[in-house]
Every structure is written in structure tokens, then in C-alpha cells.
Amino acid sequence: FEYRSMIQVTSVYPASALLSSGSKKIYIRVLGKHFLNTPELQCRFGNYLSESIIWVSSSEIHCESSARTPGFYPVQVSNSGEDFSEESVFFEYYQNPKIYSISPLSGSIYGGTVCRIK
């Protein structure tokens, strides 16, 4: 039996990423406490396990994540591959907004025109 301190996740950088077409992967910098450099070290975004993890120090790891559907995902870490951190911070995947129309199509060269965007 080996006692290990509870992992804490305190922040992620970036906190969000744009969903793009294709399978773009990004590395997310995860900061916290008590990360161990072991083969069992895992990071997950919601229910999705990270494809790759780089251990930097006991307070920093880099987790690779593939784009998912838009939304907020809790980021949790495990030193054992089984027991994940209880508290979590969230990472957001978002899509580019779509603009369907803009009105008016022109305005004063001096500014001040109120625009409506749909």
C-alpha cells in the first residue's frame, strides 16, 4: 500500500479552443499539484482520455486533446489511471459564429450607424 497526495487541478491554458474541420489536436497546459511522472498518469476531458501526456513537473503537465463537440469539459488528472482528481476546471470547445445577414449594408463615413447582425 502506498499513500499518495490528492491531485489538484487549478487551471488550464488555454481555457478554450476553436473547433476546426479535420482532426486538429491541441496541447493543453494543466497546472495543479502532485502530478507524478508515471506510466499511469492520465488526463481526461469529460469522459475522453487524453491521447498523449507530457509530464513537465509535479505541478504541470501538457495533455493532448482532439476536437470534440462544442461545450465545456471538466479536466481531471489521475496518477494511477483509476482515481481522478475530484475538483476540476473546465475547458471549452467552441465553433465560429455564423453570420447570416448584416443590416444596413452601408452607413455614415463618420460612424455611429447602428448595425443588426443575424
C-alpha atoms as a PDB file:
ATOM      1  CA  PHE A   1       0.000   0.000   0.000  1.00  0.00           C
ATOM      2  CA  GLU A   2       1.347   3.403  -0.951  1.00  0.00           C
ATOM      3  CA  TYR A   3      -0.167   6.707   0.118  1.00  0.00           C
ATOM      4  CA  ARG A   4      -0.166   9.460  -2.497  1.00  0.00           C
ATOM      5  CA  SER A   5      -1.250  13.052  -2.001  1.00  0.00           C
ATOM      6  CA  MET A   6      -4.511  14.003  -3.689  1.00  0.00           C
ATOM      7  CA  ILE A   7      -4.056  15.541  -7.112  1.00  0.00           C
ATOM      8  CA  GLN A   8      -5.334  19.074  -7.545  1.00  0.00           C
ATOM      9  CA  VAL A   9      -6.064  20.732 -10.878  1.00  0.00           C
ATOM     10  CA  THR A  10      -6.027  24.514 -10.516  1.00  0.00           C
ATOM     11  CA  SER A  11      -6.066  25.888 -14.077  1.00  0.00           C
ATOM     12  CA  VAL A  12      -5.730  25.114 -17.778  1.00  0.00           C
ATOM     13  CA  TYR A  13      -4.192  27.172 -20.597  1.00  0.00           C
ATOM     14  CA  PRO A  14      -5.681  27.871 -22.990  1.00  0.00           C
ATOM     15  CA  ALA A  15      -9.102  27.699 -21.353  1.00  0.00           C
ATOM     16  CA  SER A  16     -10.830  27.287 -24.718  1.00  0.00           C
ATOM     17  CA  ALA A  17     -10.165  26.343 -28.336  1.00  0.00           C
ATOM     18  CA  LEU A  18     -11.915  26.764 -31.654  1.00  0.00           C
ATOM     19  CA  LEU A  19     -13.295  23.604 -33.238  1.00  0.00           C
ATOM     20  CA  SER A  20     -11.860  23.259 -36.710  1.00  0.00           C
ATOM     21  CA  SER A  21     -12.611  20.913 -39.547  1.00  0.00           C
ATOM     22  CA  GLY A  22     -10.499  17.810 -39.529  1.00  0.00           C
ATOM     23  CA  SER A  23      -8.873  16.217 -36.535  1.00  0.00           C
ATOM     24  CA  LYS A  24      -6.757  19.064 -35.192  1.00  0.00           C
ATOM     25  CA  LYS A  25      -5.144  18.163 -31.888  1.00  0.00           C
ATOM     26  CA  ILE A  26      -4.009  20.676 -29.324  1.00  0.00           C
ATOM     27  CA  TYR A  27      -1.926  20.523 -26.177  1.00  0.00           C
ATOM     28  CA  ILE A  28      -3.499  21.987 -23.087  1.00  0.00           C
ATOM     29  CA  ARG A  29      -1.246  23.114 -20.245  1.00  0.00           C
ATOM     30  CA  VAL A  30      -2.692  21.767 -16.996  1.00  0.00           C
ATOM     31  CA  LEU A  31      -1.465  23.309 -13.734  1.00  0.00           C
ATOM     32  CA  GLY A  32      -2.009  21.871 -10.263  1.00  0.00           C
ATOM     33  CA  LYS A  33      -0.323  19.827  -7.549  1.00  0.00           C
ATOM     34  CA  HIS A  34       1.018  16.298  -7.009  1.00  0.00           C
ATOM     35  CA  PHE A  35       1.374  15.134 -10.627  1.00  0.00           C
ATOM     36  CA  LEU A  36       3.637  12.060 -10.752  1.00  0.00           C
ATOM     37  CA  ASN A  37       5.808  11.066 -13.698  1.00  0.00           C
ATOM     38  CA  THR A  38       4.435   7.527 -14.016  1.00  0.00           C
ATOM     39  CA  PRO A  39       3.178   5.421 -16.953  1.00  0.00           C
ATOM     40  CA  GLU A  40      -0.282   5.503 -15.325  1.00  0.00           C
ATOM     41  CA  LEU A  41      -0.549   9.312 -15.453  1.00  0.00           C
ATOM     42  CA  GLN A  42      -3.760  10.202 -17.304  1.00  0.00           C
ATOM     43  CA  CYS A  43      -5.699  13.294 -18.172  1.00  0.00           C
ATOM     44  CA  ARG A  44      -9.311  13.398 -19.285  1.00  0.00           C
ATOM     45  CA  PHE A  45     -11.720  15.909 -20.755  1.00  0.00           C
ATOM     46  CA  GLY A  46     -15.161  14.871 -19.603  1.00  0.00           C
ATOM     47  CA  ASN A  47     -15.246  11.155 -20.477  1.00  0.00           C
ATOM     48  CA  TYR A  48     -12.496  11.406 -23.112  1.00  0.00           C
ATOM     49  CA  LEU A  49      -8.987  10.302 -22.143  1.00  0.00           C
ATOM     50  CA  SER A  50      -6.089  12.350 -23.435  1.00  0.00           C
ATOM     51  CA  GLU A  51      -4.232  10.728 -26.329  1.00  0.00           C
ATOM     52  CA  SER A  52      -0.832  11.879 -25.064  1.00  0.00           C
ATOM     53  CA  ILE A  53       0.545  13.441 -21.878  1.00  0.00           C
ATOM     54  CA  ILE A  54       3.824  15.240 -21.306  1.00  0.00           C
ATOM     55  CA  TRP A  55       4.916  15.441 -17.664  1.00  0.00           C
ATOM     56  CA  VAL A  56       6.738  18.716 -17.043  1.00  0.00           C
ATOM     57  CA  SER A  57       6.829  18.825 -13.232  1.00  0.00           C
ATOM     58  CA  SER A  58       4.777  17.872 -10.185  1.00  0.00           C
ATOM     59  CA  SER A  59       2.712  20.997 -10.856  1.00  0.00           C
ATOM     60  CA  GLU A  60       2.462  20.988 -14.669  1.00  0.00           C
ATOM     61  CA  ILE A  61       1.537  18.545 -17.421  1.00  0.00           C
ATOM     62  CA  HIS A  62       0.573  19.003 -21.072  1.00  0.00           C
ATOM     63  CA  CYS A  63      -2.433  16.993 -22.240  1.00  0.00           C
ATOM     64  CA  GLU A  64      -3.236  16.400 -25.891  1.00  0.00           C
ATOM     65  CA  SER A  65      -6.876  16.596 -26.855  1.00  0.00           C
ATOM     66  CA  SER A  66      -8.686  16.073 -30.121  1.00  0.00           C
ATOM     67  CA  ALA A  67     -11.538  18.324 -31.043  1.00  0.00           C
ATOM     68  CA  ARG A  68     -14.902  17.196 -29.697  1.00  0.00           C
ATOM     69  CA  THR A  69     -18.362  18.637 -29.972  1.00  0.00           C
ATOM     70  CA  PRO A  70     -18.841  22.202 -28.710  1.00  0.00           C
ATOM     71  CA  GLY A  71     -19.201  22.511 -24.964  1.00  0.00           C
ATOM     72  CA  PHE A  72     -17.499  22.688 -21.591  1.00  0.00           C
ATOM     73  CA  TYR A  73     -15.465  19.677 -20.445  1.00  0.00           C
ATOM     74  CA  PRO A  74     -14.130  19.130 -16.922  1.00  0.00           C
ATOM     75  CA  VAL A  75     -10.373  18.498 -16.941  1.00  0.00           C
ATOM     76  CA  GLN A  76      -9.270  15.857 -14.447  1.00  0.00           C
ATOM     77  CA  VAL A  77      -5.954  14.108 -13.798  1.00  0.00           C
ATOM     78  CA  SER A  78      -5.027  10.709 -12.348  1.00  0.00           C
ATOM     79  CA  ASN A  79      -1.651   9.349 -11.224  1.00  0.00           C
ATOM     80  CA  SER A  80      -2.988   5.777 -11.117  1.00  0.00           C
ATOM     81  CA  GLY A  81      -5.204   5.702 -14.200  1.00  0.00           C
ATOM     82  CA  GLU A  82      -8.146   4.976 -11.912  1.00  0.00           C
ATOM     83  CA  ASP A  83      -8.646   7.679  -9.275  1.00  0.00           C
ATOM     84  CA  PHE A  84      -9.128  11.064 -10.901  1.00  0.00           C
ATOM     85  CA  SER A  85      -8.935  14.466  -9.249  1.00  0.00           C
ATOM     86  CA  GLU A  86     -12.244  15.396  -7.674  1.00  0.00           C
ATOM     87  CA  GLU A  87     -12.229  19.103  -8.322  1.00  0.00           C
ATOM     88  CA  SER A  88     -11.791  20.163 -11.870  1.00  0.00           C
ATOM     89  CA  VAL A  89     -11.543  23.169 -14.062  1.00  0.00           C
ATOM     90  CA  PHE A  90     -13.303  23.385 -17.390  1.00  0.00           C
ATOM     91  CA  PHE A  91     -12.052  23.523 -20.959  1.00  0.00           C
ATOM     92  CA  GLU A  92     -14.353  24.817 -23.700  1.00  0.00           C
ATOM     93  CA  TYR A  93     -14.524  23.821 -27.356  1.00  0.00           C
ATOM     94  CA  TYR A  94     -16.405  26.422 -29.392  1.00  0.00           C
ATOM     95  CA  GLN A  95     -17.383  26.988 -33.012  1.00  0.00           C
ATOM     96  CA  ASN A  96     -17.013  30.095 -35.123  1.00  0.00           C
ATOM     97  CA  PRO A  97     -20.237  32.052 -35.087  1.00  0.00           C
ATOM     98  CA  LYS A  98     -22.145  32.075 -38.375  1.00  0.00           C
ATOM     99  CA  ILE A  99     -23.339  35.405 -39.730  1.00  0.00           C
ATOM    100  CA  TYR A 100     -26.439  35.163 -41.911  1.00  0.00           C
ATOM    101  CA  SER A 101     -27.104  38.835 -42.513  1.00  0.00           C
ATOM    102  CA  ILE A 102     -25.962  42.338 -41.630  1.00  0.00           C
ATOM    103  CA  SER A 103     -28.095  45.443 -41.940  1.00  0.00           C
ATOM    104  CA  PRO A 104     -27.794  48.134 -43.029  1.00  0.00           C
ATOM    105  CA  LEU A 105     -25.264  47.329 -45.726  1.00  0.00           C
ATOM    106  CA  SER A 106     -23.749  50.809 -45.536  1.00  0.00           C
ATOM    107  CA  GLY A 107     -23.543  53.692 -43.113  1.00  0.00           C
ATOM    108  CA  SER A 108     -22.143  57.131 -42.474  1.00  0.00           C
ATOM    109  CA  ILE A 109     -18.419  57.657 -43.000  1.00  0.00           C
ATOM    110  CA  TYR A 110     -18.467  59.474 -39.656  1.00  0.00           C
ATOM    111  CA  GLY A 111     -19.581  56.371 -37.750  1.00  0.00           C
ATOM    112  CA  GLY A 112     -22.485  55.980 -35.375  1.00  0.00           C
ATOM    113  CA  THR A 113     -24.554  53.676 -37.603  1.00  0.00           C
ATOM    114  CA  VAL A 114     -26.318  51.011 -35.572  1.00  0.00           C
ATOM    115  CA  CYS A 115     -25.915  47.587 -37.177  1.00  0.00           C
ATOM    116  CA  ARG A 116     -28.050  44.488 -36.811  1.00  0.00           C
ATOM    117  CA  ILE A 117     -26.286  41.157 -37.168  1.00  0.00           C
ATOM    118  CA  LYS A 118     -28.145  37.847 -37.504  1.00  0.00           C
END
